[in-house]
Amino acid sequence: MTQPDMTLWQTIDALAQQIPFTKAKVESVLATHLVDRDTTKDPIQNAEFNFYVGGPGKMADGVVVGNVGLRVRHTGGHPGFLALGRLSGECVTLAMVHAQYSNLKITDSPRGHSLDETTAYSAFLPWGTLSFAFAERNRDCLEGVSFDPKIAAADNAVK
């Protein structure tokens, strides 16, 4: 991933405009190359989705995206799912997330099994759910961002 000229917030906004997600659209926004994830060793084979991975890369505001995960259906009809993970570099606090998305709800919380478990704060937007994860290991800084578009959003998205 090369360094885009966008901040994390600008990148999130630009990615939301790309729904339904495709490999090419995500690569364009993130200025990166995504590769097929090898699923041959997965215990259960998934014939419905293509999985792509990429990263790392640094945003204009110093936030480093450690990895990118994209899931898109082979046959279409599903808007895809996108995750930006292992965020590091410039710390993005919960207060900073609240400044961008004030109506957050807690949608997942740690169960005490690992320091890698996260508390997820989600914004329910017209296109779907945007979630921000904070890991127990470093509760003060954002760990990941995920985009879970509504299926209808694929038909109504801004192109």
N, C-alpha and C. Protein backbone atom coordinates (compact mmCIF):
# COMPACT_ATOMS: atom_id res chain seq x y z
N MET A 1 0.85 -1.17 0.00
CA MET A 1 0.00 0.00 0.00
C MET A 1 0.90 1.23 0.00
N THR A 2 0.68 2.11 -0.93
CA THR A 2 1.43 3.36 -0.92
C THR A 2 0.70 4.37 -0.06
N GLN A 3 1.35 5.46 0.27
CA GLN A 3 0.71 6.44 1.14
C GLN A 3 -0.30 7.27 0.36
N PRO A 4 -1.59 7.08 0.65
CA PRO A 4 -2.59 7.91 0.00
C PRO A 4 -2.49 9.35 0.51
N ASP A 5 -3.02 10.27 -0.24
CA ASP A 5 -3.02 11.67 0.17
C ASP A 5 -4.24 11.98 1.03
N MET A 6 -4.83 10.95 1.62
CA MET A 6 -6.04 11.13 2.42
C MET A 6 -5.79 10.73 3.87
N THR A 7 -6.53 11.36 4.77
CA THR A 7 -6.52 10.96 6.17
C THR A 7 -7.37 9.70 6.33
N LEU A 8 -7.35 9.14 7.51
CA LEU A 8 -8.20 7.99 7.79
C LEU A 8 -9.66 8.33 7.53
N TRP A 9 -10.10 9.49 7.99
CA TRP A 9 -11.52 9.87 7.86
C TRP A 9 -11.90 10.07 6.40
N GLN A 10 -11.03 10.68 5.63
CA GLN A 10 -11.29 10.86 4.20
C GLN A 10 -11.32 9.51 3.49
N THR A 11 -10.45 8.61 3.92
CA THR A 11 -10.42 7.27 3.33
C THR A 11 -11.71 6.52 3.63
N ILE A 12 -12.18 6.60 4.87
CA ILE A 12 -13.44 5.95 5.24
C ILE A 12 -14.58 6.50 4.37
N ASP A 13 -14.66 7.81 4.24
CA ASP A 13 -15.71 8.41 3.41
C ASP A 13 -15.60 7.96 1.96
N ALA A 14 -14.38 7.94 1.43
CA ALA A 14 -14.18 7.53 0.03
C ALA A 14 -14.54 6.06 -0.17
N LEU A 15 -14.19 5.21 0.79
CA LEU A 15 -14.52 3.79 0.66
C LEU A 15 -16.03 3.57 0.71
N ALA A 16 -16.73 4.30 1.58
CA ALA A 16 -18.19 4.15 1.67
C ALA A 16 -18.85 4.50 0.34
N GLN A 17 -18.25 5.40 -0.43
CA GLN A 17 -18.79 5.77 -1.74
C GLN A 17 -18.57 4.67 -2.78
N GLN A 18 -17.77 3.67 -2.46
CA GLN A 18 -17.45 2.61 -3.42
C GLN A 18 -18.38 1.39 -3.31
N ILE A 19 -19.36 1.45 -2.43
CA ILE A 19 -20.29 0.33 -2.26
C ILE A 19 -21.17 0.24 -3.50
N PRO A 20 -21.36 -0.93 -4.09
CA PRO A 20 -20.85 -2.24 -3.67
C PRO A 20 -19.35 -2.36 -3.95
N PHE A 21 -18.65 -2.98 -3.01
CA PHE A 21 -17.20 -3.10 -3.12
C PHE A 21 -16.79 -4.06 -4.22
N THR A 22 -15.71 -3.70 -4.88
CA THR A 22 -15.02 -4.60 -5.80
C THR A 22 -13.53 -4.48 -5.48
N LYS A 23 -12.78 -5.44 -5.92
CA LYS A 23 -11.34 -5.41 -5.72
C LYS A 23 -10.75 -4.13 -6.32
N ALA A 24 -11.14 -3.81 -7.55
CA ALA A 24 -10.60 -2.63 -8.24
C ALA A 24 -10.94 -1.33 -7.52
N LYS A 25 -12.16 -1.20 -7.02
CA LYS A 25 -12.56 0.03 -6.33
C LYS A 25 -11.75 0.24 -5.06
N VAL A 26 -11.59 -0.83 -4.28
CA VAL A 26 -10.85 -0.73 -3.02
C VAL A 26 -9.37 -0.45 -3.30
N GLU A 27 -8.82 -1.12 -4.29
CA GLU A 27 -7.42 -0.88 -4.67
C GLU A 27 -7.21 0.58 -5.07
N SER A 28 -8.16 1.13 -5.80
CA SER A 28 -8.04 2.51 -6.26
C SER A 28 -8.04 3.49 -5.09
N VAL A 29 -8.96 3.34 -4.16
CA VAL A 29 -9.04 4.26 -3.02
C VAL A 29 -7.81 4.14 -2.13
N LEU A 30 -7.38 2.90 -1.87
CA LEU A 30 -6.27 2.68 -0.94
C LEU A 30 -4.90 2.75 -1.61
N ALA A 31 -4.87 2.93 -2.91
CA ALA A 31 -3.60 2.97 -3.65
C ALA A 31 -2.74 1.75 -3.31
N THR A 32 -3.37 0.58 -3.40
CA THR A 32 -2.69 -0.66 -3.06
C THR A 32 -3.09 -1.76 -4.02
N HIS A 33 -2.40 -2.87 -3.91
CA HIS A 33 -2.73 -4.06 -4.70
C HIS A 33 -3.23 -5.13 -3.73
N LEU A 34 -4.41 -5.66 -3.97
CA LEU A 34 -4.95 -6.75 -3.17
C LEU A 34 -4.69 -8.06 -3.89
N VAL A 35 -4.39 -9.09 -3.12
CA VAL A 35 -4.14 -10.41 -3.70
C VAL A 35 -5.16 -11.40 -3.16
N ASP A 36 -5.42 -12.45 -3.94
CA ASP A 36 -6.31 -13.51 -3.48
C ASP A 36 -5.73 -14.15 -2.24
N ARG A 37 -6.58 -14.33 -1.23
CA ARG A 37 -6.15 -15.04 -0.03
C ARG A 37 -6.29 -16.52 -0.29
N ASP A 38 -5.26 -17.29 0.00
CA ASP A 38 -5.27 -18.73 -0.19
C ASP A 38 -6.20 -19.36 0.85
N THR A 39 -7.30 -19.93 0.39
CA THR A 39 -8.26 -20.56 1.30
C THR A 39 -8.23 -22.08 1.20
N THR A 40 -7.25 -22.63 0.49
CA THR A 40 -7.22 -24.08 0.27
C THR A 40 -7.02 -24.86 1.56
N LYS A 41 -6.42 -24.25 2.58
CA LYS A 41 -6.18 -24.96 3.84
C LYS A 41 -7.26 -24.69 4.88
N ASP A 42 -8.26 -23.90 4.52
CA ASP A 42 -9.36 -23.64 5.44
C ASP A 42 -10.13 -24.92 5.68
N PRO A 43 -10.55 -25.19 6.92
CA PRO A 43 -11.26 -26.44 7.21
C PRO A 43 -12.59 -26.56 6.46
N ILE A 44 -13.23 -25.44 6.21
CA ILE A 44 -14.49 -25.43 5.46
C ILE A 44 -14.26 -24.56 4.24
N GLN A 45 -14.45 -25.13 3.07
CA GLN A 45 -14.25 -24.38 1.83
C GLN A 45 -15.45 -23.49 1.55
N ASN A 46 -15.19 -22.27 1.16
CA ASN A 46 -16.24 -21.31 0.86
C ASN A 46 -16.29 -21.09 -0.65
N ALA A 47 -17.35 -21.56 -1.25
CA ALA A 47 -17.50 -21.43 -2.70
C ALA A 47 -18.26 -20.15 -3.09
N GLU A 48 -18.70 -19.39 -2.11
CA GLU A 48 -19.53 -18.22 -2.38
C GLU A 48 -18.75 -16.92 -2.53
N PHE A 49 -17.61 -16.80 -1.83
CA PHE A 49 -16.91 -15.52 -1.77
C PHE A 49 -15.47 -15.63 -2.23
N ASN A 50 -14.97 -14.53 -2.80
CA ASN A 50 -13.54 -14.33 -3.03
C ASN A 50 -13.02 -13.52 -1.85
N PHE A 51 -11.85 -13.89 -1.36
CA PHE A 51 -11.22 -13.18 -0.26
C PHE A 51 -9.93 -12.55 -0.78
N TYR A 52 -9.76 -11.26 -0.49
CA TYR A 52 -8.56 -10.53 -0.92
C TYR A 52 -7.91 -9.89 0.30
N VAL A 53 -6.59 -9.80 0.28
CA VAL A 53 -5.85 -9.18 1.38
C VAL A 53 -4.79 -8.24 0.82
N GLY A 54 -4.40 -7.27 1.64
CA GLY A 54 -3.38 -6.32 1.25
C GLY A 54 -2.86 -5.57 2.46
N GLY A 55 -1.95 -4.62 2.22
CA GLY A 55 -1.37 -3.80 3.27
C GLY A 55 0.08 -4.16 3.47
N PRO A 56 0.79 -3.49 4.31
CA PRO A 56 0.40 -2.32 5.10
C PRO A 56 0.55 -1.02 4.29
N GLY A 57 0.05 0.05 4.90
CA GLY A 57 0.17 1.35 4.27
C GLY A 57 -0.09 2.46 5.27
N LYS A 58 0.42 3.64 4.97
CA LYS A 58 0.31 4.78 5.88
C LYS A 58 -0.57 5.86 5.28
N MET A 59 -1.49 6.37 6.08
CA MET A 59 -2.37 7.45 5.66
C MET A 59 -1.66 8.80 5.83
N ALA A 60 -2.22 9.83 5.25
CA ALA A 60 -1.63 11.16 5.32
C ALA A 60 -1.56 11.69 6.75
N ASP A 61 -2.44 11.22 7.64
CA ASP A 61 -2.45 11.70 9.02
C ASP A 61 -1.59 10.84 9.95
N GLY A 62 -0.81 9.91 9.39
CA GLY A 62 0.08 9.10 10.20
C GLY A 62 -0.50 7.79 10.68
N VAL A 63 -1.77 7.52 10.40
CA VAL A 63 -2.37 6.24 10.76
C VAL A 63 -1.85 5.18 9.80
N VAL A 64 -1.38 4.06 10.36
CA VAL A 64 -0.88 2.96 9.55
C VAL A 64 -1.92 1.85 9.54
N VAL A 65 -2.30 1.41 8.34
CA VAL A 65 -3.21 0.28 8.18
C VAL A 65 -2.34 -0.96 8.00
N GLY A 66 -2.39 -1.86 8.97
CA GLY A 66 -1.55 -3.06 8.93
C GLY A 66 -1.99 -4.06 7.90
N ASN A 67 -3.30 -4.21 7.76
CA ASN A 67 -3.81 -5.13 6.74
C ASN A 67 -5.19 -4.71 6.28
N VAL A 68 -5.51 -5.16 5.09
CA VAL A 68 -6.81 -4.91 4.46
C VAL A 68 -7.41 -6.26 4.13
N GLY A 69 -8.68 -6.46 4.46
CA GLY A 69 -9.37 -7.68 4.09
C GLY A 69 -10.66 -7.34 3.37
N LEU A 70 -10.84 -7.91 2.20
CA LEU A 70 -12.04 -7.67 1.39
C LEU A 70 -12.67 -9.00 1.05
N ARG A 71 -13.98 -9.08 1.20
CA ARG A 71 -14.73 -10.29 0.84
C ARG A 71 -15.82 -9.87 -0.13
N VAL A 72 -15.83 -10.46 -1.32
CA VAL A 72 -16.88 -10.19 -2.31
C VAL A 72 -17.41 -11.51 -2.86
N ARG A 73 -18.71 -11.53 -3.09
CA ARG A 73 -19.37 -12.73 -3.61
C ARG A 73 -18.98 -12.95 -5.06
N HIS A 74 -18.81 -14.22 -5.42
CA HIS A 74 -18.46 -14.57 -6.81
C HIS A 74 -19.50 -14.06 -7.80
N THR A 75 -20.78 -14.20 -7.46
CA THR A 75 -21.85 -13.96 -8.42
C THR A 75 -22.51 -12.60 -8.31
N GLY A 76 -22.06 -11.75 -7.43
CA GLY A 76 -22.71 -10.46 -7.25
C GLY A 76 -23.93 -10.57 -6.35
N GLY A 77 -24.69 -9.51 -6.25
CA GLY A 77 -25.88 -9.51 -5.42
C GLY A 77 -25.59 -9.26 -3.95
N HIS A 78 -24.33 -9.10 -3.60
CA HIS A 78 -23.92 -8.83 -2.23
C HIS A 78 -22.92 -7.69 -2.29
N PRO A 79 -23.03 -6.68 -1.41
CA PRO A 79 -22.17 -5.50 -1.52
C PRO A 79 -20.74 -5.70 -1.05
N GLY A 80 -20.44 -6.85 -0.46
CA GLY A 80 -19.09 -7.10 0.03
C GLY A 80 -18.93 -6.70 1.48
N PHE A 81 -17.76 -7.00 2.02
CA PHE A 81 -17.41 -6.66 3.40
C PHE A 81 -15.94 -6.25 3.38
N LEU A 82 -15.61 -5.17 4.06
CA LEU A 82 -14.24 -4.65 4.05
C LEU A 82 -13.78 -4.37 5.46
N ALA A 83 -12.55 -4.77 5.77
CA ALA A 83 -11.96 -4.50 7.08
C ALA A 83 -10.56 -3.91 6.91
N LEU A 84 -10.31 -2.85 7.65
CA LEU A 84 -8.98 -2.27 7.76
C LEU A 84 -8.50 -2.62 9.15
N GLY A 85 -7.43 -3.40 9.27
CA GLY A 85 -7.03 -3.90 10.58
C GLY A 85 -5.61 -3.59 10.96
N ARG A 86 -5.31 -3.96 12.21
CA ARG A 86 -3.99 -3.76 12.81
C ARG A 86 -3.53 -2.31 12.64
N LEU A 87 -4.43 -1.38 12.98
CA LEU A 87 -4.09 0.03 12.86
C LEU A 87 -3.04 0.39 13.91
N SER A 88 -2.10 1.22 13.50
CA SER A 88 -1.05 1.68 14.41
C SER A 88 -0.61 3.06 13.95
N GLY A 89 0.58 3.48 14.38
CA GLY A 89 1.05 4.82 14.04
C GLY A 89 0.35 5.84 14.91
N GLU A 90 -0.16 6.87 14.30
CA GLU A 90 -0.89 7.91 15.03
C GLU A 90 -2.11 7.29 15.71
N CYS A 91 -2.21 7.47 17.03
CA CYS A 91 -3.31 6.88 17.80
C CYS A 91 -4.63 7.61 17.50
N VAL A 92 -5.64 6.83 17.16
CA VAL A 92 -6.99 7.36 16.96
C VAL A 92 -7.79 6.95 18.19
N THR A 93 -8.20 7.91 18.98
CA THR A 93 -8.90 7.64 20.23
C THR A 93 -10.41 7.52 20.00
N LEU A 94 -11.09 6.99 21.01
CA LEU A 94 -12.54 6.90 20.94
C LEU A 94 -13.15 8.30 20.83
N ALA A 95 -12.58 9.27 21.51
CA ALA A 95 -13.09 10.65 21.41
C ALA A 95 -12.99 11.17 19.97
N MET A 96 -11.92 10.80 19.28
CA MET A 96 -11.76 11.21 17.88
C MET A 96 -12.81 10.54 16.99
N VAL A 97 -13.10 9.27 17.27
CA VAL A 97 -14.13 8.56 16.51
C VAL A 97 -15.49 9.21 16.77
N HIS A 98 -15.77 9.50 18.06
CA HIS A 98 -17.04 10.16 18.42
C HIS A 98 -17.18 11.53 17.74
N ALA A 99 -16.09 12.23 17.55
CA ALA A 99 -16.15 13.54 16.88
C ALA A 99 -16.61 13.40 15.43
N GLN A 100 -16.33 12.26 14.82
CA GLN A 100 -16.73 12.01 13.43
C GLN A 100 -18.11 11.36 13.35
N TYR A 101 -18.39 10.46 14.29
CA TYR A 101 -19.63 9.67 14.31
C TYR A 101 -20.18 9.71 15.73
N SER A 102 -21.05 10.65 16.00
CA SER A 102 -21.50 10.90 17.38
C SER A 102 -22.49 9.87 17.90
N ASN A 103 -23.20 9.18 17.02
CA ASN A 103 -24.25 8.27 17.46
C ASN A 103 -23.76 6.81 17.41
N LEU A 104 -22.71 6.51 18.17
CA LEU A 104 -22.15 5.16 18.19
C LEU A 104 -22.84 4.29 19.23
N LYS A 105 -22.96 3.03 18.91
CA LYS A 105 -23.51 2.03 19.84
C LYS A 105 -22.46 0.93 20.02
N ILE A 106 -22.34 0.41 21.24
CA ILE A 106 -21.45 -0.73 21.47
C ILE A 106 -22.13 -1.96 20.89
N THR A 107 -21.44 -2.63 19.96
CA THR A 107 -22.02 -3.80 19.29
C THR A 107 -21.26 -5.09 19.57
N ASP A 108 -20.12 -5.00 20.22
CA ASP A 108 -19.38 -6.20 20.61
C ASP A 108 -18.47 -5.82 21.77
N SER A 109 -18.24 -6.78 22.64
CA SER A 109 -17.37 -6.51 23.78
C SER A 109 -16.54 -7.75 24.10
N PRO A 110 -15.38 -7.54 24.73
CA PRO A 110 -14.51 -8.67 25.07
C PRO A 110 -15.19 -9.64 26.03
N ARG A 111 -14.81 -10.88 25.93
CA ARG A 111 -15.36 -11.92 26.79
C ARG A 111 -14.32 -12.47 27.77
N GLY A 112 -13.15 -11.81 27.82
CA GLY A 112 -12.14 -12.17 28.79
C GLY A 112 -11.22 -13.31 28.41
N HIS A 113 -11.17 -13.66 27.13
CA HIS A 113 -10.34 -14.79 26.70
C HIS A 113 -8.99 -14.36 26.14
N SER A 114 -8.86 -13.12 25.70
CA SER A 114 -7.63 -12.71 25.03
C SER A 114 -7.50 -11.19 25.04
N LEU A 115 -6.26 -10.72 25.07
CA LEU A 115 -6.01 -9.28 24.96
C LEU A 115 -6.27 -8.77 23.54
N ASP A 116 -6.46 -9.69 22.60
CA ASP A 116 -6.77 -9.31 21.22
C ASP A 116 -8.26 -9.11 20.98
N GLU A 117 -9.10 -9.47 21.97
CA GLU A 117 -10.54 -9.23 21.82
C GLU A 117 -10.79 -7.73 21.81
N THR A 118 -11.89 -7.35 21.16
CA THR A 118 -12.16 -5.93 20.98
C THR A 118 -13.52 -5.51 21.50
N THR A 119 -13.62 -4.22 21.78
CA THR A 119 -14.90 -3.57 21.98
C THR A 119 -15.18 -2.84 20.67
N ALA A 120 -16.34 -3.12 20.09
CA ALA A 120 -16.71 -2.51 18.82
C ALA A 120 -17.79 -1.46 19.05
N TYR A 121 -17.56 -0.31 18.47
CA TYR A 121 -18.51 0.80 18.48
C TYR A 121 -18.97 0.98 17.04
N SER A 122 -20.29 0.94 16.83
CA SER A 122 -20.80 0.97 15.46
C SER A 122 -21.71 2.16 15.20
N ALA A 123 -21.58 2.67 13.99
CA ALA A 123 -22.47 3.71 13.48
C ALA A 123 -23.36 3.05 12.44
N PHE A 124 -24.65 3.22 12.58
CA PHE A 124 -25.62 2.64 11.65
C PHE A 124 -26.00 3.73 10.65
N LEU A 125 -25.44 3.62 9.47
CA LEU A 125 -25.55 4.65 8.44
C LEU A 125 -26.52 4.19 7.35
N PRO A 126 -26.97 5.09 6.49
CA PRO A 126 -27.92 4.69 5.45
C PRO A 126 -27.43 3.53 4.59
N TRP A 127 -26.14 3.42 4.36
CA TRP A 127 -25.60 2.35 3.50
C TRP A 127 -25.32 1.06 4.26
N GLY A 128 -25.25 1.11 5.61
CA GLY A 128 -24.94 -0.09 6.39
C GLY A 128 -24.25 0.26 7.69
N THR A 129 -23.46 -0.67 8.21
CA THR A 129 -22.82 -0.51 9.51
C THR A 129 -21.33 -0.26 9.36
N LEU A 130 -20.87 0.79 10.02
CA LEU A 130 -19.45 1.13 10.08
C LEU A 130 -19.02 0.91 11.51
N SER A 131 -18.06 0.00 11.73
CA SER A 131 -17.65 -0.36 13.09
C SER A 131 -16.20 -0.01 13.35
N PHE A 132 -15.95 0.41 14.58
CA PHE A 132 -14.62 0.79 15.04
C PHE A 132 -14.27 -0.11 16.21
N ALA A 133 -13.15 -0.82 16.11
CA ALA A 133 -12.76 -1.80 17.12
C ALA A 133 -11.57 -1.30 17.93
N PHE A 134 -11.67 -1.45 19.25
CA PHE A 134 -10.59 -1.10 20.17
C PHE A 134 -10.22 -2.37 20.93
N ALA A 135 -8.97 -2.83 20.76
CA ALA A 135 -8.52 -4.08 21.37
C ALA A 135 -8.21 -3.88 22.85
N GLU A 136 -8.40 -4.93 23.62
CA GLU A 136 -8.06 -4.92 25.04
C GLU A 136 -6.58 -4.61 25.24
N ARG A 137 -5.75 -5.06 24.33
CA ARG A 137 -4.30 -4.87 24.43
C ARG A 137 -3.93 -3.39 24.48
N ASN A 138 -4.69 -2.56 23.78
CA ASN A 138 -4.42 -1.12 23.73
C ASN A 138 -5.76 -0.41 23.59
N ARG A 139 -6.49 -0.32 24.68
CA ARG A 139 -7.87 0.19 24.66
C ARG A 139 -8.00 1.64 24.22
N ASP A 140 -6.92 2.39 24.30
CA ASP A 140 -7.01 3.82 23.99
C ASP A 140 -6.93 4.14 22.50
N CYS A 141 -6.43 3.18 21.70
CA CYS A 141 -6.20 3.45 20.28
C CYS A 141 -6.99 2.50 19.39
N LEU A 142 -7.52 3.03 18.32
CA LEU A 142 -8.30 2.26 17.36
C LEU A 142 -7.48 1.13 16.77
N GLU A 143 -8.06 -0.06 16.74
CA GLU A 143 -7.41 -1.26 16.21
C GLU A 143 -7.86 -1.55 14.78
N GLY A 144 -9.14 -1.29 14.48
CA GLY A 144 -9.64 -1.63 13.16
C GLY A 144 -10.95 -0.94 12.83
N VAL A 145 -11.24 -0.92 11.54
CA VAL A 145 -12.48 -0.34 11.02
C VAL A 145 -13.08 -1.34 10.05
N SER A 146 -14.38 -1.58 10.16
CA SER A 146 -15.02 -2.50 9.21
C SER A 146 -16.27 -1.87 8.61
N PHE A 147 -16.51 -2.25 7.37
CA PHE A 147 -17.64 -1.77 6.58
C PHE A 147 -18.52 -2.97 6.27
N ASP A 148 -19.76 -2.94 6.75
CA ASP A 148 -20.70 -4.03 6.50
C ASP A 148 -21.95 -3.44 5.84
N PRO A 149 -21.91 -3.28 4.51
CA PRO A 149 -23.03 -2.64 3.81
C PRO A 149 -24.29 -3.51 3.82
N LYS A 150 -25.42 -2.82 3.81
CA LYS A 150 -26.70 -3.52 3.63
C LYS A 150 -26.76 -4.05 2.21
N ILE A 151 -27.44 -5.15 2.03
CA ILE A 151 -27.56 -5.70 0.68
C ILE A 151 -28.26 -4.70 -0.23
N ALA A 152 -29.27 -4.01 0.27
CA ALA A 152 -29.97 -3.00 -0.54
C ALA A 152 -29.04 -1.85 -0.90
N ALA A 153 -28.03 -1.59 -0.07
CA ALA A 153 -27.10 -0.49 -0.33
C ALA A 153 -26.34 -0.71 -1.63
N ALA A 154 -26.18 -1.96 -2.01
CA ALA A 154 -25.47 -2.26 -3.26
C ALA A 154 -26.25 -1.72 -4.45
N ASP A 155 -27.56 -1.72 -4.34
CA ASP A 155 -28.38 -1.23 -5.43
C ASP A 155 -28.53 0.29 -5.41
N ASN A 156 -28.42 0.89 -4.21
CA ASN A 156 -28.68 2.31 -4.06
C ASN A 156 -27.43 3.15 -3.87
N ALA A 157 -26.26 2.55 -3.88
CA ALA A 157 -25.02 3.26 -3.57
C ALA A 157 -24.73 4.34 -4.61
N VAL A 158 -24.05 5.36 -4.13
CA VAL A 158 -23.58 6.41 -5.03
C VAL A 158 -22.46 5.82 -5.86
N LYS A 159 -22.53 5.96 -7.15
CA LYS A 159 -21.52 5.38 -8.03
C LYS A 159 -20.56 6.46 -8.48
